[in-house]
């Protein structure tokens, strides 16, 4: 058996994993009662990820220290952004290969859930070989390995470009499968991991009851914020979803 180069369609993932090695992730998780979200979804049909993006976008607008990015080792610099954008990872097929692609939903501090859902629907059902959203990834795949790697690293180092490439935060979901909870680093200071919704026993008014519960995790970069701020962010997103 001899080794072969990775498929070109996975280059962007390998380049990404290389540039996030400087991250110092810490992991939190909570459980969210999704009763109100599911009731709203039954009427409007929005994706669960759209609700998480909507809630997180508004929470992070109130936490500018967390809506930020850091770059550099010897002389680090932190950028805090006046807008909130969220990267969402998608399971897609490109040139016959199953790959992870990312799309950035802009202006989540003011976007309506319906508009967020429309963006996700467009990129989930559009042709990844033609959508403009993924043209940058396709260019990386076509470029020689060294050139593609150099271009990716240059873009990732730019604090002004980064929110347009990776968002100011990220959301990744495996809730469509039998995954209760997981933690991921999305290349942003905060990354939310969305698990499946399943019936669990909860306490309401002092008595046990059954409710649809979702595990929600948060990975945060300890170089940018500390645990107390991250805990506030996760708690406020939980409360926003439960009080929709």
Protein backbone atom coordinates (compact mmCIF):
# COMPACT_ATOMS: atom_id res chain seq x y z
CA UNK A 1 0.00 0.00 0.00
CA UNK A 2 1.25 3.48 -0.89
CA UNK A 3 -0.03 6.86 0.26
CA UNK A 4 -1.74 9.27 -2.11
CA UNK A 5 -2.34 13.02 -1.82
CA UNK A 6 -5.62 14.10 -0.20
CA UNK A 7 -8.50 14.82 -2.52
CA UNK A 8 -8.37 18.43 -3.79
CA UNK A 9 -11.91 18.91 -2.42
CA UNK A 10 -10.55 18.56 1.14
CA UNK A 11 -7.76 21.11 0.80
CA UNK A 12 -9.70 23.94 2.40
CA UNK A 13 -10.39 21.77 5.46
CA UNK A 14 -6.71 20.86 5.84
CA UNK A 15 -5.61 24.48 5.42
CA UNK A 16 -8.19 25.54 8.01
CA UNK A 17 -7.06 22.96 10.56
CA UNK A 18 -3.51 24.17 10.14
CA UNK A 19 -4.26 27.84 10.83
CA UNK A 20 -6.35 27.20 13.96
CA UNK A 21 -3.53 25.43 15.81
CA UNK A 22 -2.90 28.61 17.80
CA UNK A 23 -6.38 28.47 19.30
CA UNK A 24 -6.70 27.78 23.03
CA UNK A 25 -10.18 26.25 23.24
CA UNK A 26 -12.24 25.74 26.39
CA UNK A 27 -15.54 23.86 26.25
CA UNK A 28 -18.91 24.54 27.91
CA UNK A 29 -22.32 22.99 27.39
CA UNK A 30 -25.92 23.35 28.53
CA UNK A 31 -29.40 21.98 27.84
CA UNK A 32 -32.10 24.05 26.15
CA UNK A 33 -35.84 23.47 26.49
CA UNK A 34 -36.92 23.81 22.85
CA UNK A 35 -40.69 23.80 23.46
CA UNK A 36 -41.25 27.35 22.22
CA UNK A 37 -38.83 27.00 19.31
CA UNK A 38 -40.59 23.86 18.06
CA UNK A 39 -44.00 25.53 18.40
CA UNK A 40 -42.76 28.47 16.32
CA UNK A 41 -41.14 26.11 13.83
CA UNK A 42 -44.39 24.16 13.40
CA UNK A 43 -45.97 27.33 12.01
CA UNK A 44 -43.04 28.83 10.09
CA UNK A 45 -40.88 25.84 9.14
CA UNK A 46 -37.54 27.44 9.92
CA UNK A 47 -34.38 25.40 10.42
CA UNK A 48 -33.22 24.87 14.01
CA UNK A 49 -29.85 26.34 13.06
CA UNK A 50 -31.61 29.55 12.03
CA UNK A 51 -32.97 29.97 15.56
CA UNK A 52 -29.52 29.43 17.08
CA UNK A 53 -27.96 31.96 14.69
CA UNK A 54 -30.70 34.47 15.45
CA UNK A 55 -30.32 34.12 19.22
CA UNK A 56 -26.52 34.09 19.21
CA UNK A 57 -26.33 37.08 16.89
CA UNK A 58 -28.29 39.26 19.26
CA UNK A 59 -26.48 38.01 22.35
CA UNK A 60 -23.02 38.59 20.87
CA UNK A 61 -24.01 42.13 19.88
CA UNK A 62 -24.27 42.75 23.63
CA UNK A 63 -20.87 41.13 24.27
CA UNK A 64 -18.34 42.97 22.08
CA UNK A 65 -15.44 41.32 23.93
CA UNK A 66 -16.65 37.95 22.65
CA UNK A 67 -17.57 39.24 19.19
CA UNK A 68 -13.89 39.58 18.38
CA UNK A 69 -10.86 37.89 16.85
CA UNK A 70 -7.17 37.67 17.72
CA UNK A 71 -4.10 37.38 15.50
CA UNK A 72 -0.41 37.02 16.20
CA UNK A 73 1.83 35.42 18.82
CA UNK A 74 4.68 37.74 19.73
CA UNK A 75 2.63 40.89 19.13
CA UNK A 76 -1.01 39.79 19.25
CA UNK A 77 -3.78 42.10 18.09
CA UNK A 78 -7.50 41.87 18.89
CA UNK A 79 -10.24 43.20 16.61
CA UNK A 80 -13.74 43.85 17.99
CA UNK A 81 -16.43 44.08 15.35
CA UNK A 82 -19.42 46.45 15.25
CA UNK A 83 -21.50 43.81 13.44
CA UNK A 84 -22.22 40.12 14.01
CA UNK A 85 -21.91 37.48 11.30
CA UNK A 86 -22.17 33.73 11.73
CA UNK A 87 -20.45 30.93 9.87
CA UNK A 88 -22.47 27.74 9.41
CA UNK A 89 -20.89 24.47 8.33
CA UNK A 90 -22.73 22.36 5.77
CA UNK A 91 -22.47 18.73 4.72
CA UNK A 92 -22.33 18.95 0.92
CA UNK A 93 -21.04 17.00 -2.06
CA UNK A 94 -18.53 18.70 -4.35
CA UNK A 95 -17.20 16.94 -7.46
CA UNK A 96 -18.57 13.70 -6.10
CA UNK A 97 -16.76 14.06 -2.74
CA UNK A 98 -18.52 14.55 0.58
CA UNK A 99 -17.03 17.67 2.15
CA UNK A 100 -17.69 20.35 4.74
CA UNK A 101 -18.44 23.77 3.30
CA UNK A 102 -19.07 26.97 5.21
CA UNK A 103 -21.37 29.90 4.55
CA UNK A 104 -21.37 33.22 6.41
CA UNK A 105 -24.74 34.76 7.30
CA UNK A 106 -24.22 38.53 7.68
CA UNK A 107 -25.70 41.11 10.05
CA UNK A 108 -27.16 38.64 12.54
CA UNK A 109 -27.48 41.38 15.14
CA UNK A 110 -30.48 42.66 13.17
CA UNK A 111 -31.54 39.89 10.75
CA UNK A 112 -34.98 38.28 11.03
CA UNK A 113 -35.25 34.51 11.49
CA UNK A 114 -37.02 34.23 8.14
CA UNK A 115 -34.12 35.93 6.34
CA UNK A 116 -31.59 33.70 8.10
CA UNK A 117 -33.57 30.62 7.10
CA UNK A 118 -33.78 31.84 3.48
CA UNK A 119 -29.98 32.18 3.34
CA UNK A 120 -29.48 28.68 4.74
CA UNK A 121 -32.04 27.19 2.36
CA UNK A 122 -30.37 28.79 -0.63
CA UNK A 123 -26.92 27.39 0.14
CA UNK A 124 -28.18 24.00 1.34
CA UNK A 125 -30.11 23.32 -1.83
CA UNK A 126 -28.04 25.22 -4.39
CA UNK A 127 -25.36 23.58 -6.50
CA UNK A 128 -22.03 23.95 -4.63
CA UNK A 129 -20.20 23.72 -7.94
CA UNK A 130 -21.98 26.87 -9.13
CA UNK A 131 -22.92 28.93 -6.06
CA UNK A 132 -20.95 32.16 -5.76
CA UNK A 133 -20.66 31.54 -1.99
CA UNK A 134 -18.18 28.73 -2.61
CA UNK A 135 -16.15 30.24 -5.44
CA UNK A 136 -13.23 30.98 -3.11
CA UNK A 137 -13.12 27.34 -2.03
CA UNK A 138 -13.26 26.15 -5.60
CA UNK A 139 -10.31 28.42 -6.48
CA UNK A 140 -8.30 26.88 -3.64
CA UNK A 141 -9.02 23.43 -5.03
CA UNK A 142 -7.86 24.42 -8.51
CA UNK A 143 -4.65 26.09 -7.32
CA UNK A 144 -1.39 24.19 -6.72
CA UNK A 145 -1.12 23.01 -3.11
CA UNK A 146 1.57 25.49 -2.01
CA UNK A 147 -0.16 28.46 -3.65
CA UNK A 148 -3.55 27.55 -2.19
CA UNK A 149 -2.05 27.13 1.27
CA UNK A 150 -0.28 30.50 1.03
CA UNK A 151 -3.47 32.29 -0.08
CA UNK A 152 -5.52 30.69 2.67
CA UNK A 153 -3.04 31.63 5.39
CA UNK A 154 -2.80 35.20 4.13
CA UNK A 155 -6.58 35.62 4.21
CA UNK A 156 -6.85 33.99 7.65
CA UNK A 157 -4.26 36.38 9.10
CA UNK A 158 -6.28 39.44 8.09
CA UNK A 159 -8.47 40.64 10.95
CA UNK A 160 -10.45 42.77 8.51
CA UNK A 161 -11.15 39.88 6.12
CA UNK A 162 -11.70 37.18 8.71
CA UNK A 163 -15.32 38.00 9.70
CA UNK A 164 -16.34 37.86 6.04
CA UNK A 165 -14.62 34.48 5.59
CA UNK A 166 -15.34 32.73 8.89
CA UNK A 167 -17.86 35.01 10.62
CA UNK A 168 -17.45 36.60 14.03
CA UNK A 169 -18.80 33.34 15.50
CA UNK A 170 -19.64 29.90 14.17
CA UNK A 171 -22.43 27.33 14.45
CA UNK A 172 -22.08 23.69 13.55
CA UNK A 173 -24.87 21.13 13.87
CA UNK A 174 -25.02 17.34 13.94
CA UNK A 175 -28.52 17.33 15.37
CA UNK A 176 -29.95 15.56 12.33
CA UNK A 177 -28.25 12.37 13.55
CA UNK A 178 -28.16 10.54 16.90
CA UNK A 179 -25.62 12.98 18.37
CA UNK A 180 -26.53 14.48 21.72
CA UNK A 181 -23.56 16.81 22.18
CA UNK A 182 -20.23 17.68 20.62
CA UNK A 183 -17.66 20.46 20.65
CA UNK A 184 -16.00 22.04 17.65
CA UNK A 185 -13.57 24.88 16.93
CA UNK A 186 -14.89 26.94 14.06
CA UNK A 187 -11.98 29.33 13.63
CA UNK A 188 -13.82 32.01 15.61
CA UNK A 189 -13.66 33.13 19.24
CA UNK A 190 -16.94 31.35 19.94
CA UNK A 191 -18.38 28.26 18.25
CA UNK A 192 -21.76 26.75 19.09
CA UNK A 193 -22.32 23.01 18.66
CA UNK A 194 -25.93 21.94 18.12
CA UNK A 195 -27.01 18.43 19.09
CA UNK A 196 -30.25 16.61 18.47
CA UNK A 197 -33.55 17.45 20.14
CA UNK A 198 -34.95 14.59 22.18
CA UNK A 199 -37.53 14.19 24.93
CA UNK A 200 -36.02 14.41 28.41
CA UNK A 201 -37.33 14.76 31.93
CA UNK A 202 -37.28 18.34 33.22
CA UNK A 203 -38.65 20.04 36.32
CA UNK A 204 -41.49 22.53 35.87
CA UNK A 205 -43.16 24.21 38.80
CA UNK A 206 -41.47 21.74 41.10
CA UNK A 207 -42.79 18.65 39.33
CA UNK A 208 -41.18 16.35 36.73
CA UNK A 209 -42.32 16.77 33.13
CA UNK A 210 -41.19 15.68 29.68
CA UNK A 211 -39.91 18.33 27.27
CA UNK A 212 -37.98 18.47 23.97
CA UNK A 213 -34.42 19.26 25.03
CA UNK A 214 -31.40 20.16 22.90
CA UNK A 215 -27.78 20.03 24.03
CA UNK A 216 -25.97 23.23 23.10
CA UNK A 217 -22.21 23.50 23.49
CA UNK A 218 -19.88 26.46 23.31
CA UNK A 219 -16.17 26.37 22.48
CA UNK A 220 -14.36 29.62 23.20
CA UNK A 221 -10.83 30.85 22.58
CA UNK A 222 -9.31 31.57 25.99
CA UNK A 223 -6.85 34.01 24.39
CA UNK A 224 -9.74 36.40 23.74
CA UNK A 225 -12.24 35.91 26.59
CA UNK A 226 -12.44 34.14 29.92
CA UNK A 227 -14.88 31.56 31.21
CA UNK A 228 -17.20 33.99 32.97
CA UNK A 229 -17.89 35.93 29.77
CA UNK A 230 -18.32 32.72 27.79
CA UNK A 231 -20.73 31.38 30.41
CA UNK A 232 -22.77 34.58 30.15
CA UNK A 233 -22.96 34.21 26.38
CA UNK A 234 -24.06 30.58 26.50
CA UNK A 235 -26.62 31.24 29.24
CA UNK A 236 -28.12 34.20 27.39
CA UNK A 237 -28.42 32.21 24.15
CA UNK A 238 -30.15 29.43 26.09
CA UNK A 239 -32.57 31.95 27.62
CA UNK A 240 -33.25 33.57 24.24
CA UNK A 241 -34.22 30.21 22.73
CA UNK A 242 -36.35 29.18 25.69
CA UNK A 243 -38.18 32.54 25.80
CA UNK A 244 -38.74 32.94 22.06
